[in-house]
Amino acid sequence: MAIRRGQEAGEIRNSGDHEGNQYANGRVHQAESSKPSPADYAKRSELYGSNPGKPGIYDLTDNVSDEDFEAAASEARAEGRGRREHGARF
């Protein structure tokens, strides 16, 4: 959720921020943008999911209220699923 908040605040680059080359996968030369990319914080496969049935961060957080996300994160922590060895980053 922090990445999306950063994008909304204009502090993190979003897919519409790259210039020019449509085949650049959102990557820009440092001179073109001083904003960090979401990929600076998480792998693309973590952001978008790596295959069907394994959702990415965006799938789990987009269109979810802060309250619902925090409730789910708290429940996962209480059940021991919020630990790093389970791939979670809370």
N, C-alpha and C. Protein backbone atom coordinates (compact mmCIF):
# COMPACT_ATOMS: atom_id res chain seq x y z
N MET A 1 0.83 -1.18 0.00
CA MET A 1 0.00 0.00 0.00
C MET A 1 0.88 1.25 0.00
N ALA A 2 2.05 1.15 0.57
CA ALA A 2 2.95 2.30 0.61
C ALA A 2 3.39 2.71 -0.78
N ILE A 3 3.59 1.74 -1.68
CA ILE A 3 3.98 2.07 -3.05
C ILE A 3 2.87 2.86 -3.72
N ARG A 4 1.64 2.41 -3.59
CA ARG A 4 0.52 3.12 -4.21
C ARG A 4 0.37 4.53 -3.62
N ARG A 5 0.56 4.66 -2.30
CA ARG A 5 0.48 6.00 -1.69
C ARG A 5 1.58 6.90 -2.26
N GLY A 6 2.77 6.34 -2.42
CA GLY A 6 3.87 7.11 -3.00
C GLY A 6 3.58 7.53 -4.43
N GLN A 7 2.94 6.64 -5.19
CA GLN A 7 2.56 6.99 -6.56
C GLN A 7 1.51 8.09 -6.57
N GLU A 8 0.54 8.00 -5.69
CA GLU A 8 -0.50 9.02 -5.62
C GLU A 8 0.09 10.38 -5.24
N ALA A 9 1.11 10.37 -4.39
CA ALA A 9 1.76 11.60 -3.96
C ALA A 9 2.78 12.11 -4.97
N GLY A 10 3.02 11.33 -6.04
CA GLY A 10 3.99 11.72 -7.04
C GLY A 10 5.43 11.47 -6.63
N GLU A 11 5.63 10.66 -5.59
CA GLU A 11 6.98 10.39 -5.09
C GLU A 11 7.59 9.12 -5.68
N ILE A 12 6.75 8.23 -6.20
CA ILE A 12 7.19 6.98 -6.82
C ILE A 12 6.62 6.95 -8.23
N ARG A 13 7.45 6.56 -9.17
CA ARG A 13 7.06 6.52 -10.57
C ARG A 13 5.93 5.51 -10.77
N ASN A 14 4.99 5.83 -11.65
CA ASN A 14 3.98 4.86 -12.04
C ASN A 14 4.12 4.60 -13.53
N SER A 15 3.36 3.68 -14.06
CA SER A 15 3.55 3.24 -15.44
C SER A 15 3.37 4.36 -16.45
N GLY A 16 2.65 5.38 -16.13
CA GLY A 16 2.46 6.49 -17.07
C GLY A 16 3.57 7.52 -17.04
N ASP A 17 4.55 7.35 -16.15
CA ASP A 17 5.60 8.35 -16.01
C ASP A 17 6.77 8.17 -16.96
N HIS A 18 6.91 7.00 -17.59
CA HIS A 18 8.08 6.83 -18.46
C HIS A 18 7.87 7.61 -19.74
N GLU A 19 8.99 8.02 -20.32
CA GLU A 19 8.92 8.82 -21.53
C GLU A 19 9.40 8.03 -22.73
N GLY A 20 8.85 8.31 -23.88
CA GLY A 20 9.39 7.80 -25.12
C GLY A 20 9.11 6.34 -25.39
N ASN A 21 10.10 5.51 -25.36
CA ASN A 21 10.08 4.14 -25.82
C ASN A 21 8.99 3.31 -25.15
N GLN A 22 8.02 2.88 -25.95
CA GLN A 22 6.92 2.07 -25.41
C GLN A 22 7.37 0.68 -25.00
N TYR A 23 8.56 0.27 -25.45
CA TYR A 23 9.08 -1.06 -25.14
C TYR A 23 10.04 -1.04 -23.95
N ALA A 24 10.11 0.06 -23.24
CA ALA A 24 11.08 0.22 -22.16
C ALA A 24 10.62 -0.39 -20.84
N ASN A 25 9.41 -0.98 -20.81
CA ASN A 25 8.88 -1.58 -19.58
C ASN A 25 8.86 -0.62 -18.41
N GLY A 26 8.63 0.65 -18.69
CA GLY A 26 8.55 1.64 -17.61
C GLY A 26 9.90 2.09 -17.11
N ARG A 27 10.98 1.57 -17.66
CA ARG A 27 12.31 1.97 -17.22
C ARG A 27 12.71 3.24 -17.96
N VAL A 28 13.29 4.14 -17.24
CA VAL A 28 13.76 5.39 -17.84
C VAL A 28 15.19 5.63 -17.41
N HIS A 29 15.88 6.43 -18.20
CA HIS A 29 17.23 6.80 -17.81
C HIS A 29 17.15 7.70 -16.58
N GLN A 30 18.14 7.65 -15.74
CA GLN A 30 18.14 8.43 -14.50
C GLN A 30 17.91 9.91 -14.80
N ALA A 31 18.43 10.40 -15.91
CA ALA A 31 18.27 11.81 -16.24
C ALA A 31 16.81 12.16 -16.52
N GLU A 32 16.02 11.19 -16.95
CA GLU A 32 14.63 11.46 -17.29
C GLU A 32 13.71 11.49 -16.07
N SER A 33 14.08 10.81 -15.01
CA SER A 33 13.23 10.78 -13.83
C SER A 33 14.06 10.50 -12.60
N SER A 34 13.87 11.30 -11.59
CA SER A 34 14.58 11.07 -10.34
C SER A 34 13.70 10.29 -9.36
N LYS A 35 12.48 9.96 -9.78
CA LYS A 35 11.58 9.20 -8.92
C LYS A 35 12.00 7.73 -8.90
N PRO A 36 11.91 7.08 -7.73
CA PRO A 36 12.17 5.65 -7.71
C PRO A 36 11.03 4.88 -8.38
N SER A 37 11.34 3.70 -8.82
CA SER A 37 10.36 2.82 -9.45
C SER A 37 9.81 1.86 -8.40
N PRO A 38 8.58 1.36 -8.57
CA PRO A 38 8.10 0.32 -7.66
C PRO A 38 9.06 -0.87 -7.59
N ALA A 39 9.75 -1.15 -8.70
CA ALA A 39 10.70 -2.27 -8.74
C ALA A 39 11.93 -2.01 -7.86
N ASP A 40 12.10 -0.80 -7.39
CA ASP A 40 13.17 -0.51 -6.43
C ASP A 40 12.82 -1.06 -5.05
N TYR A 41 11.56 -1.38 -4.83
CA TYR A 41 11.08 -1.84 -3.53
C TYR A 41 10.68 -3.31 -3.51
N ALA A 42 10.29 -3.84 -4.66
CA ALA A 42 9.87 -5.24 -4.75
C ALA A 42 10.08 -5.73 -6.18
N LYS A 43 10.31 -7.01 -6.33
CA LYS A 43 10.46 -7.59 -7.66
C LYS A 43 9.13 -7.48 -8.42
N ARG A 44 9.23 -7.41 -9.73
CA ARG A 44 8.02 -7.33 -10.56
C ARG A 44 7.10 -8.52 -10.28
N SER A 45 7.67 -9.72 -10.11
CA SER A 45 6.84 -10.89 -9.84
C SER A 45 6.15 -10.78 -8.48
N GLU A 46 6.76 -10.06 -7.54
CA GLU A 46 6.11 -9.84 -6.24
C GLU A 46 4.98 -8.82 -6.39
N LEU A 47 5.18 -7.84 -7.22
CA LEU A 47 4.16 -6.80 -7.40
C LEU A 47 2.94 -7.31 -8.15
N TYR A 48 3.18 -8.07 -9.23
CA TYR A 48 2.08 -8.48 -10.11
C TYR A 48 1.69 -9.95 -9.98
N GLY A 49 2.45 -10.73 -9.23
CA GLY A 49 2.20 -12.16 -9.13
C GLY A 49 3.01 -12.89 -10.18
N SER A 50 3.39 -14.11 -9.87
CA SER A 50 4.28 -14.82 -10.79
C SER A 50 3.55 -15.78 -11.71
N ASN A 51 2.38 -16.22 -11.32
CA ASN A 51 1.59 -17.12 -12.17
C ASN A 51 0.17 -17.19 -11.62
N PRO A 52 -0.75 -17.78 -12.38
CA PRO A 52 -2.14 -17.89 -11.89
C PRO A 52 -2.18 -18.62 -10.54
N GLY A 53 -2.97 -18.11 -9.66
CA GLY A 53 -3.11 -18.72 -8.34
C GLY A 53 -2.12 -18.18 -7.32
N LYS A 54 -1.15 -17.38 -7.77
CA LYS A 54 -0.19 -16.77 -6.85
C LYS A 54 -0.25 -15.26 -7.05
N PRO A 55 -1.14 -14.60 -6.32
CA PRO A 55 -1.35 -13.17 -6.53
C PRO A 55 -0.14 -12.35 -6.10
N GLY A 56 -0.06 -11.16 -6.65
CA GLY A 56 1.00 -10.24 -6.30
C GLY A 56 0.52 -9.24 -5.26
N ILE A 57 1.43 -8.37 -4.85
CA ILE A 57 1.14 -7.35 -3.85
C ILE A 57 -0.03 -6.47 -4.31
N TYR A 58 0.01 -6.05 -5.57
CA TYR A 58 -1.08 -5.19 -6.06
C TYR A 58 -2.42 -5.90 -5.99
N ASP A 59 -2.46 -7.19 -6.28
CA ASP A 59 -3.72 -7.95 -6.20
C ASP A 59 -4.25 -7.97 -4.77
N LEU A 60 -3.35 -7.99 -3.81
CA LEU A 60 -3.75 -8.10 -2.41
C LEU A 60 -4.09 -6.76 -1.77
N THR A 61 -3.62 -5.66 -2.37
CA THR A 61 -3.82 -4.37 -1.72
C THR A 61 -4.68 -3.38 -2.49
N ASP A 62 -4.72 -3.48 -3.81
CA ASP A 62 -5.52 -2.52 -4.58
C ASP A 62 -7.00 -2.70 -4.28
N ASN A 63 -7.68 -1.59 -4.14
CA ASN A 63 -9.12 -1.55 -3.86
C ASN A 63 -9.50 -2.18 -2.52
N VAL A 64 -8.56 -2.18 -1.59
CA VAL A 64 -8.80 -2.68 -0.23
C VAL A 64 -8.63 -1.49 0.71
N SER A 65 -9.59 -1.29 1.60
CA SER A 65 -9.48 -0.17 2.54
C SER A 65 -8.33 -0.42 3.52
N ASP A 66 -7.80 0.66 4.07
CA ASP A 66 -6.73 0.53 5.07
C ASP A 66 -7.19 -0.33 6.24
N GLU A 67 -8.43 -0.16 6.64
CA GLU A 67 -8.95 -0.91 7.78
C GLU A 67 -9.00 -2.41 7.48
N ASP A 68 -9.49 -2.76 6.29
CA ASP A 68 -9.57 -4.17 5.91
C ASP A 68 -8.17 -4.79 5.78
N PHE A 69 -7.24 -4.02 5.20
CA PHE A 69 -5.88 -4.53 5.05
C PHE A 69 -5.24 -4.76 6.41
N GLU A 70 -5.37 -3.80 7.31
CA GLU A 70 -4.78 -3.94 8.65
C GLU A 70 -5.42 -5.09 9.42
N ALA A 71 -6.72 -5.28 9.26
CA ALA A 71 -7.39 -6.40 9.93
C ALA A 71 -6.84 -7.73 9.42
N ALA A 72 -6.68 -7.85 8.11
CA ALA A 72 -6.13 -9.09 7.53
C ALA A 72 -4.68 -9.30 7.94
N ALA A 73 -3.89 -8.23 7.96
CA ALA A 73 -2.49 -8.33 8.36
C ALA A 73 -2.38 -8.74 9.83
N SER A 74 -3.22 -8.17 10.68
CA SER A 74 -3.22 -8.53 12.10
C SER A 74 -3.60 -9.99 12.30
N GLU A 75 -4.59 -10.44 11.56
CA GLU A 75 -5.01 -11.84 11.65
C GLU A 75 -3.88 -12.77 11.19
N ALA A 76 -3.20 -12.40 10.12
CA ALA A 76 -2.09 -13.22 9.62
C ALA A 76 -0.95 -13.27 10.64
N ARG A 77 -0.64 -12.13 11.25
CA ARG A 77 0.41 -12.10 12.28
C ARG A 77 0.03 -13.00 13.45
N ALA A 78 -1.22 -12.93 13.88
CA ALA A 78 -1.67 -13.72 15.02
C ALA A 78 -1.58 -15.22 14.73
N GLU A 79 -1.79 -15.59 13.47
CA GLU A 79 -1.71 -16.99 13.07
C GLU A 79 -0.31 -17.42 12.68
N GLY A 80 0.65 -16.48 12.76
CA GLY A 80 2.03 -16.80 12.42
C GLY A 80 2.32 -16.77 10.94
N ARG A 81 1.39 -16.22 10.14
CA ARG A 81 1.60 -16.15 8.69
C ARG A 81 2.22 -14.84 8.26
N GLY A 82 2.49 -13.96 9.18
CA GLY A 82 3.07 -12.67 8.84
C GLY A 82 4.57 -12.66 9.00
N ARG A 83 5.17 -13.81 9.05
CA ARG A 83 6.62 -13.89 9.22
C ARG A 83 7.31 -13.95 7.87
N ARG A 84 8.54 -13.51 7.84
CA ARG A 84 9.31 -13.46 6.61
C ARG A 84 9.46 -14.83 5.96
N GLU A 85 9.60 -15.88 6.74
CA GLU A 85 9.78 -17.20 6.13
C GLU A 85 8.55 -17.66 5.36
N HIS A 86 7.43 -16.97 5.56
CA HIS A 86 6.22 -17.27 4.79
C HIS A 86 6.07 -16.31 3.61
N GLY A 87 7.11 -15.50 3.41
CA GLY A 87 7.08 -14.58 2.27
C GLY A 87 6.32 -13.30 2.52
N ALA A 88 5.88 -13.07 3.73
CA ALA A 88 5.10 -11.87 4.03
C ALA A 88 6.01 -10.74 4.48
N ARG A 89 5.61 -9.54 4.15
CA ARG A 89 6.33 -8.35 4.58
C ARG A 89 5.34 -7.41 5.23
N PHE A 90 5.13 -7.58 6.51
CA PHE A 90 4.20 -6.69 7.22
C PHE A 90 4.97 -5.79 8.13
